[in-house]
Amino acid sequence: MNITCPSCGFGRTVNEAKLPPKAVMATCPKCQHRFKFRELPGQPAGANVPQHEPAGPAQPAAPADAPLPRHERPAQTTQVQPAETPARPAAEDPAPHQRQAPREDDLWKELEALNDDGEEAHGAGAEDQPQASLPLWERATSGYPLAFAKTFMQVLANPKGFFSAMPVGHGIMKPLLFFLVVIQAVALSQSIWQLLGIMPPSLLTEGLGHTAQAALALILYPLEVSVFLFMDTAINHFFLRLFKADTKGFEGTFRAEAYSAAPMLLMVIPYIGMPLAMIGATVYKFLGLRHVHGASNKQVLAVLVLPMLLALAVAIVLTLVTGRA
């Protein structure tokens, strides 16, 4: 069953058998619009009647006060008083309405707790509620090296909790600086390896001396990787919007990609560091986009795979065209 908000178009596919039997209302987590997502013929009318009927029969209990004028047995007065106490719960009949409202308000959280296979993830809702704070790197006013190290370890050790708590509305400068620190450390290590002759120079600095190669690596490498970061974020965010998986805007996508670059620090290791960093960055980017935007696994896989397939198709076409020429 596909439940889609009529106001903003945000939707989710769930197993109808897992929904509460009397639930018909939901509140969109993106725009907070409250809407009716299905019709239950016969149930709303039948469900409301018994809720109002107990208030009626509770009043005929008043004739039970007839024995009160008889003062023959004072013990009866003690029995009449307990008879009046059941009448009070009848006056508290609005409680069922109050209990249904939270179910309707929290229904979308129950829908988010259902994965694509229709199974419930019991711990997801509880984890998402208390966590909503900026990373330590963005909250720090001093001790930036320690704040960076703690944030870096938090990303690697608990990516789900880290990205699920990621707020937006604070800009992209701090996430960009986090990304640049990682990339600058990689650039510095590559410069050292080039000076020692362990790694070959890049194509841009191949004809220069070792000192010039190392100096340009500190400048050119962070610059070109930063340009790639913005381009990759724009492409992924386009596909997120295409699949209606964008809930935190471009800033949310940028934050997910910037902090998911933490595994790229493995590139300080010569030769084997590059493939390990690429695999790690891809895995963490998947987790970042999934938990920042609350998207499904299928949506994020499509967002990551489709650009690769398109790029491959363009490369094949260009190869064929240039080969014929």
Protein backbone atom coordinates (compact mmCIF):
# COMPACT_ATOMS: atom_id res chain seq x y z
CA MET A 1 0.00 0.00 0.00
CA ASN A 2 1.43 3.38 -1.03
CA ILE A 3 0.64 6.25 1.37
CA THR A 4 1.38 9.66 -0.15
CA CYS A 5 0.86 13.09 1.38
CA PRO A 6 -1.51 15.09 -0.87
CA SER A 7 0.15 18.36 0.17
CA CYS A 8 3.86 17.79 -0.54
CA GLY A 9 3.91 14.42 -2.30
CA PHE A 10 6.12 12.66 0.28
CA GLY A 11 5.18 9.00 0.38
CA ARG A 12 6.08 5.55 1.63
CA THR A 13 5.12 2.02 0.61
CA VAL A 14 4.04 -0.21 3.50
CA ASN A 15 2.41 -3.58 4.06
CA GLU A 16 -1.30 -2.94 4.68
CA ALA A 17 -1.52 -6.03 6.88
CA LYS A 18 0.86 -4.38 9.38
CA LEU A 19 -1.26 -1.23 9.80
CA PRO A 20 -3.52 -0.73 12.86
CA PRO A 21 -6.98 -2.02 11.88
CA LYS A 22 -8.86 1.22 12.64
CA ALA A 23 -6.21 3.73 11.55
CA VAL A 24 -7.30 6.09 8.77
CA MET A 25 -5.39 9.32 9.50
CA ALA A 26 -1.70 10.18 9.20
CA THR A 27 0.46 13.27 9.69
CA CYS A 28 3.15 13.88 7.08
CA PRO A 29 6.61 14.11 8.75
CA LYS A 30 7.80 16.51 6.07
CA CYS A 31 5.10 19.21 5.92
CA GLN A 32 3.01 18.20 9.00
CA HIS A 33 -0.15 18.00 6.85
CA ARG A 34 -2.81 15.76 8.37
CA PHE A 35 -4.73 13.66 5.86
CA LYS A 36 -6.93 10.59 5.51
CA PHE A 37 -5.02 7.84 3.74
CA ARG A 38 -7.72 5.16 3.38
CA GLU A 39 -11.46 4.48 3.77
CA LEU A 40 -12.84 1.88 6.16
CA PRO A 41 -16.51 1.35 5.21
CA GLY A 42 -18.75 0.58 8.17
CA GLN A 43 -16.05 0.77 10.81
CA PRO A 44 -16.04 4.49 11.66
CA ALA A 45 -19.78 4.58 12.26
CA GLY A 46 -19.80 1.33 14.18
CA ALA A 47 -16.77 2.29 16.22
CA ASN A 48 -18.21 5.61 17.36
CA VAL A 49 -21.60 4.30 18.45
CA PRO A 50 -20.39 2.09 21.28
CA GLN A 51 -18.19 4.88 22.53
CA HIS A 52 -21.19 7.20 23.04
CA GLU A 53 -23.64 4.52 24.19
CA PRO A 54 -22.03 3.87 27.60
CA ALA A 55 -22.73 7.49 28.53
CA GLY A 56 -26.48 6.78 28.12
CA PRO A 57 -26.80 3.63 30.22
CA ALA A 58 -24.66 5.22 32.90
CA GLN A 59 -27.51 7.71 33.66
CA PRO A 60 -30.25 5.12 34.40
CA ALA A 61 -28.06 4.14 37.32
CA ALA A 62 -29.63 7.19 39.04
CA PRO A 63 -32.82 5.19 40.04
CA ALA A 64 -30.48 3.16 42.19
CA ASP A 65 -30.60 6.19 44.49
CA ALA A 66 -34.18 5.22 45.41
CA PRO A 67 -33.04 3.08 48.36
CA LEU A 68 -31.29 6.13 49.78
CA PRO A 69 -34.39 7.62 51.53
CA ARG A 70 -34.73 4.41 53.52
CA HIS A 71 -32.71 4.85 56.65
CA GLU A 72 -33.59 1.44 57.99
CA ARG A 73 -30.14 0.02 57.36
CA PRO A 74 -27.14 2.35 57.42
CA ALA A 75 -25.11 -0.40 55.76
CA GLN A 76 -26.99 0.30 52.54
CA THR A 77 -25.60 3.80 52.43
CA THR A 78 -22.12 2.34 52.35
CA GLN A 79 -23.22 0.10 49.48
CA VAL A 80 -24.78 2.96 47.54
CA GLN A 81 -21.59 5.01 47.62
CA PRO A 82 -19.58 2.38 45.75
CA ALA A 83 -22.46 2.25 43.27
CA GLU A 84 -21.90 5.93 42.52
CA THR A 85 -18.20 5.48 41.84
CA PRO A 86 -18.76 3.43 38.65
CA ALA A 87 -20.75 6.38 37.32
CA ARG A 88 -17.59 8.51 37.33
CA PRO A 89 -15.76 6.42 34.73
CA ALA A 90 -18.81 6.94 32.52
CA ALA A 91 -18.17 10.67 32.68
CA GLU A 92 -14.59 10.01 31.65
CA ASP A 93 -15.69 8.47 28.34
CA PRO A 94 -13.77 11.14 26.36
CA ALA A 95 -10.63 9.17 27.33
CA PRO A 96 -11.09 6.76 24.39
CA HIS A 97 -11.06 9.74 22.03
CA GLN A 98 -7.88 11.01 23.64
CA ARG A 99 -6.33 7.61 23.25
CA GLN A 100 -7.19 7.41 19.55
CA ALA A 101 -5.73 10.82 18.75
CA PRO A 102 -2.15 9.87 19.68
CA ARG A 103 -2.51 6.75 17.52
CA GLU A 104 -3.44 8.90 14.55
CA ASP A 105 -0.74 11.46 15.29
CA ASP A 106 1.93 8.79 15.74
CA LEU A 107 0.71 6.68 12.85
CA TRP A 108 3.35 7.93 10.43
CA LYS A 109 6.07 6.94 12.91
CA GLU A 110 4.58 3.47 12.86
CA LEU A 111 4.68 3.53 9.07
CA GLU A 112 8.32 4.63 9.11
CA ALA A 113 9.09 1.70 11.42
CA LEU A 114 7.98 -0.69 8.66
CA ASN A 115 10.67 -1.64 6.17
CA ASP A 116 10.13 -2.54 2.55
CA ASP A 117 9.49 -6.20 3.39
CA GLY A 118 6.69 -5.28 5.79
CA GLU A 119 8.60 -6.22 8.93
CA GLU A 120 8.64 -3.94 11.95
CA ALA A 121 11.88 -2.37 13.16
CA HIS A 122 10.97 -1.99 16.82
CA GLY A 123 13.96 0.09 17.87
CA ALA A 124 13.83 2.66 15.07
CA GLY A 125 11.11 4.93 16.45
CA ALA A 126 12.62 5.07 19.91
CA GLU A 127 16.05 5.96 18.58
CA ASP A 128 14.81 8.73 16.29
CA GLN A 129 12.92 10.65 18.98
CA PRO A 130 15.62 11.65 21.49
CA GLN A 131 18.39 12.33 18.98
CA ALA A 132 18.33 15.76 17.38
CA SER A 133 21.53 17.74 17.85
CA LEU A 134 24.41 19.15 15.86
CA PRO A 135 27.64 17.16 15.65
CA LEU A 136 30.25 18.07 18.22
CA TRP A 137 32.42 19.50 15.44
CA GLU A 138 29.77 22.17 14.75
CA ARG A 139 29.03 22.92 18.41
CA ALA A 140 32.64 23.34 19.51
CA THR A 141 33.91 26.86 20.23
CA SER A 142 37.42 25.69 21.16
CA GLY A 143 39.46 22.52 21.11
CA TYR A 144 38.73 21.90 17.44
CA PRO A 145 41.22 19.02 17.00
CA LEU A 146 39.54 17.06 19.81
CA ALA A 147 36.07 17.93 18.50
CA PHE A 148 37.08 16.76 15.02
CA ALA A 149 38.52 13.50 16.36
CA LYS A 150 35.37 12.73 18.40
CA THR A 151 33.07 13.56 15.49
CA PHE A 152 35.21 11.47 13.16
CA MET A 153 35.00 8.46 15.48
CA GLN A 154 31.27 8.94 15.98
CA VAL A 155 30.69 8.82 12.23
CA LEU A 156 32.69 5.63 11.87
CA ALA A 157 31.38 3.87 15.00
CA ASN A 158 27.69 4.82 14.88
CA PRO A 159 26.70 6.09 11.41
CA LYS A 160 23.00 5.33 11.92
CA GLY A 161 22.73 7.33 15.12
CA PHE A 162 24.94 10.12 13.79
CA PHE A 163 23.06 10.70 10.54
CA SER A 164 19.60 10.13 12.06
CA ALA A 165 20.26 13.02 14.45
CA MET A 166 21.49 15.35 11.71
CA PRO A 167 19.52 18.62 11.73
CA VAL A 168 19.35 21.19 8.93
CA GLY A 169 19.18 24.96 8.92
CA HIS A 170 22.72 25.54 10.18
CA GLY A 171 24.45 25.97 6.82
CA ILE A 172 27.03 23.89 5.00
CA MET A 173 30.23 25.67 6.06
CA LYS A 174 31.07 23.46 9.06
CA PRO A 175 30.42 20.19 7.18
CA LEU A 176 32.55 21.53 4.31
CA LEU A 177 35.38 22.32 6.74
CA PHE A 178 35.15 18.80 8.16
CA PHE A 179 35.46 17.43 4.64
CA LEU A 180 38.42 19.71 3.85
CA VAL A 181 40.27 18.61 6.99
CA VAL A 182 40.00 15.00 5.85
CA ILE A 183 41.04 15.82 2.29
CA GLN A 184 43.90 18.06 3.41
CA ALA A 185 45.27 15.24 5.55
CA VAL A 186 45.14 12.98 2.50
CA ALA A 187 46.84 15.62 0.35
CA LEU A 188 49.60 16.05 2.93
CA SER A 189 50.24 12.31 3.06
CA GLN A 190 50.38 12.08 -0.72
CA SER A 191 52.86 14.95 -0.83
CA ILE A 192 55.09 13.11 1.64
CA TRP A 193 54.88 9.88 -0.36
CA GLN A 194 55.75 11.78 -3.54
CA LEU A 195 58.73 13.46 -1.89
CA LEU A 196 59.96 10.06 -0.73
CA GLY A 197 59.39 8.59 -4.17
CA ILE A 198 56.96 6.00 -2.84
CA MET A 199 54.06 7.21 -4.97
CA PRO A 200 54.21 8.60 -8.52
CA PRO A 201 53.13 12.21 -9.16
CA SER A 202 49.74 13.05 -10.55
CA LEU A 203 49.21 13.80 -14.23
CA LEU A 204 49.01 17.54 -13.54
CA THR A 205 52.40 17.68 -11.82
CA GLU A 206 54.23 14.93 -13.66
CA GLY A 207 56.81 17.19 -15.36
CA LEU A 208 57.72 19.13 -12.21
CA GLY A 209 60.24 18.45 -9.49
CA HIS A 210 59.45 16.61 -6.30
CA THR A 211 59.14 19.80 -4.23
CA ALA A 212 56.81 21.46 -6.74
CA GLN A 213 54.77 18.28 -7.01
CA ALA A 214 54.30 18.13 -3.24
CA ALA A 215 53.39 21.83 -2.99
CA LEU A 216 50.83 21.66 -5.79
CA ALA A 217 49.34 18.48 -4.36
CA LEU A 218 48.47 20.38 -1.17
CA ILE A 219 46.55 22.94 -3.24
CA LEU A 220 45.17 21.16 -6.31
CA TYR A 221 43.98 17.95 -4.70
CA PRO A 222 41.64 19.55 -2.09
CA LEU A 223 40.34 21.95 -4.75
CA GLU A 224 39.44 19.29 -7.29
CA VAL A 225 37.92 16.97 -4.67
CA SER A 226 35.80 19.84 -3.29
CA VAL A 227 34.48 20.59 -6.78
CA PHE A 228 33.63 16.91 -7.16
CA LEU A 229 31.82 16.99 -3.78
CA PHE A 230 29.45 19.77 -4.91
CA MET A 231 28.84 18.12 -8.29
CA ASP A 232 28.16 14.72 -6.74
CA THR A 233 25.84 16.27 -4.14
CA ALA A 234 23.86 18.08 -6.86
CA ILE A 235 23.48 14.88 -8.90
CA ASN A 236 22.44 12.74 -5.93
CA HIS A 237 20.03 15.38 -4.68
CA PHE A 238 18.40 15.55 -8.11
CA PHE A 239 17.70 11.81 -8.01
CA LEU A 240 16.50 12.05 -4.41
CA ARG A 241 13.89 14.57 -5.52
CA LEU A 242 13.08 12.42 -8.53
CA PHE A 243 12.26 9.46 -6.30
CA LYS A 244 10.48 11.66 -3.70
CA ALA A 245 13.06 10.78 -1.06
CA ASP A 246 14.18 14.34 -0.29
CA THR A 247 13.08 15.38 3.21
CA LYS A 248 15.97 17.60 4.38
CA GLY A 249 16.69 19.63 1.23
CA PHE A 250 20.04 20.19 -0.47
CA GLU A 251 21.65 20.99 2.87
CA GLY A 252 20.72 17.58 4.23
CA THR A 253 22.21 15.87 1.18
CA PHE A 254 25.39 17.93 1.43
CA ARG A 255 25.76 17.17 5.13
CA ALA A 256 25.34 13.44 4.46
CA GLU A 257 28.01 13.47 1.75
CA ALA A 258 30.48 15.70 3.63
CA TYR A 259 30.48 13.65 6.83
CA SER A 260 30.36 10.33 4.97
CA ALA A 261 33.77 11.22 3.51
CA ALA A 262 35.39 10.25 6.82
CA PRO A 263 36.59 6.85 5.46
CA MET A 264 38.58 8.71 2.80
CA LEU A 265 41.23 9.24 5.46
CA LEU A 266 42.32 5.69 4.62
CA MET A 267 43.94 7.17 1.54
CA VAL A 268 46.89 8.20 3.70
CA ILE A 269 47.97 4.57 3.27
CA PRO A 270 49.81 4.26 -0.03
CA TYR A 271 48.32 2.11 -2.79
CA ILE A 272 45.85 -0.04 -0.79
CA GLY A 273 44.34 3.03 0.87
CA MET A 274 42.62 4.22 -2.33
CA PRO A 275 40.33 1.19 -2.94
CA LEU A 276 39.56 0.85 0.77
CA ALA A 277 38.63 4.53 0.98
CA MET A 278 36.36 4.36 -2.08
CA ILE A 279 34.48 1.35 -0.74
CA GLY A 280 34.15 2.87 2.72
CA ALA A 281 33.02 6.27 1.44
CA THR A 282 30.36 4.63 -0.76
CA VAL A 283 28.98 2.55 2.12
CA TYR A 284 28.87 5.53 4.48
CA LYS A 285 27.30 7.74 1.82
CA PHE A 286 24.54 5.16 1.45
CA LEU A 287 23.98 5.20 5.22
CA GLY A 288 24.15 8.99 5.34
CA LEU A 289 21.55 9.58 2.62
CA ARG A 290 19.31 6.89 4.00
CA HIS A 291 19.19 8.12 7.58
CA VAL A 292 19.41 11.87 6.98
CA HIS A 293 16.44 11.84 4.60
CA GLY A 294 14.68 8.81 6.12
CA ALA A 295 14.62 7.18 2.68
CA SER A 296 14.21 3.49 1.96
CA ASN A 297 17.02 1.19 0.89
CA LYS A 298 15.61 0.89 -2.63
CA GLN A 299 15.41 4.65 -3.06
CA VAL A 300 19.00 5.24 -1.96
CA LEU A 301 20.28 2.38 -4.10
CA ALA A 302 18.56 3.89 -7.12
CA VAL A 303 20.02 7.32 -6.27
CA LEU A 304 23.56 5.91 -6.14
CA VAL A 305 23.40 3.38 -8.99
CA LEU A 306 21.56 5.34 -11.68
CA PRO A 307 24.20 8.11 -12.00
CA MET A 308 26.88 5.43 -12.35
CA LEU A 309 24.91 3.67 -15.08
CA LEU A 310 24.31 6.93 -16.92
CA ALA A 311 27.99 7.86 -16.69
CA LEU A 312 28.93 4.40 -18.01
CA ALA A 313 26.48 4.73 -20.88
CA VAL A 314 27.88 8.17 -21.79
CA ALA A 315 31.45 6.83 -21.64
CA ILE A 316 30.55 3.95 -23.97
CA VAL A 317 28.83 6.28 -26.43
CA LEU A 318 31.80 8.68 -26.43
CA THR A 319 34.19 5.79 -26.96
CA LEU A 320 32.21 4.54 -29.91
CA VAL A 321 31.93 8.01 -31.42
CA THR A 322 35.62 8.81 -31.05
CA GLY A 323 36.54 5.34 -32.30
CA ARG A 324 34.59 5.85 -35.52
CA ALA A 325 36.10 9.28 -36.02
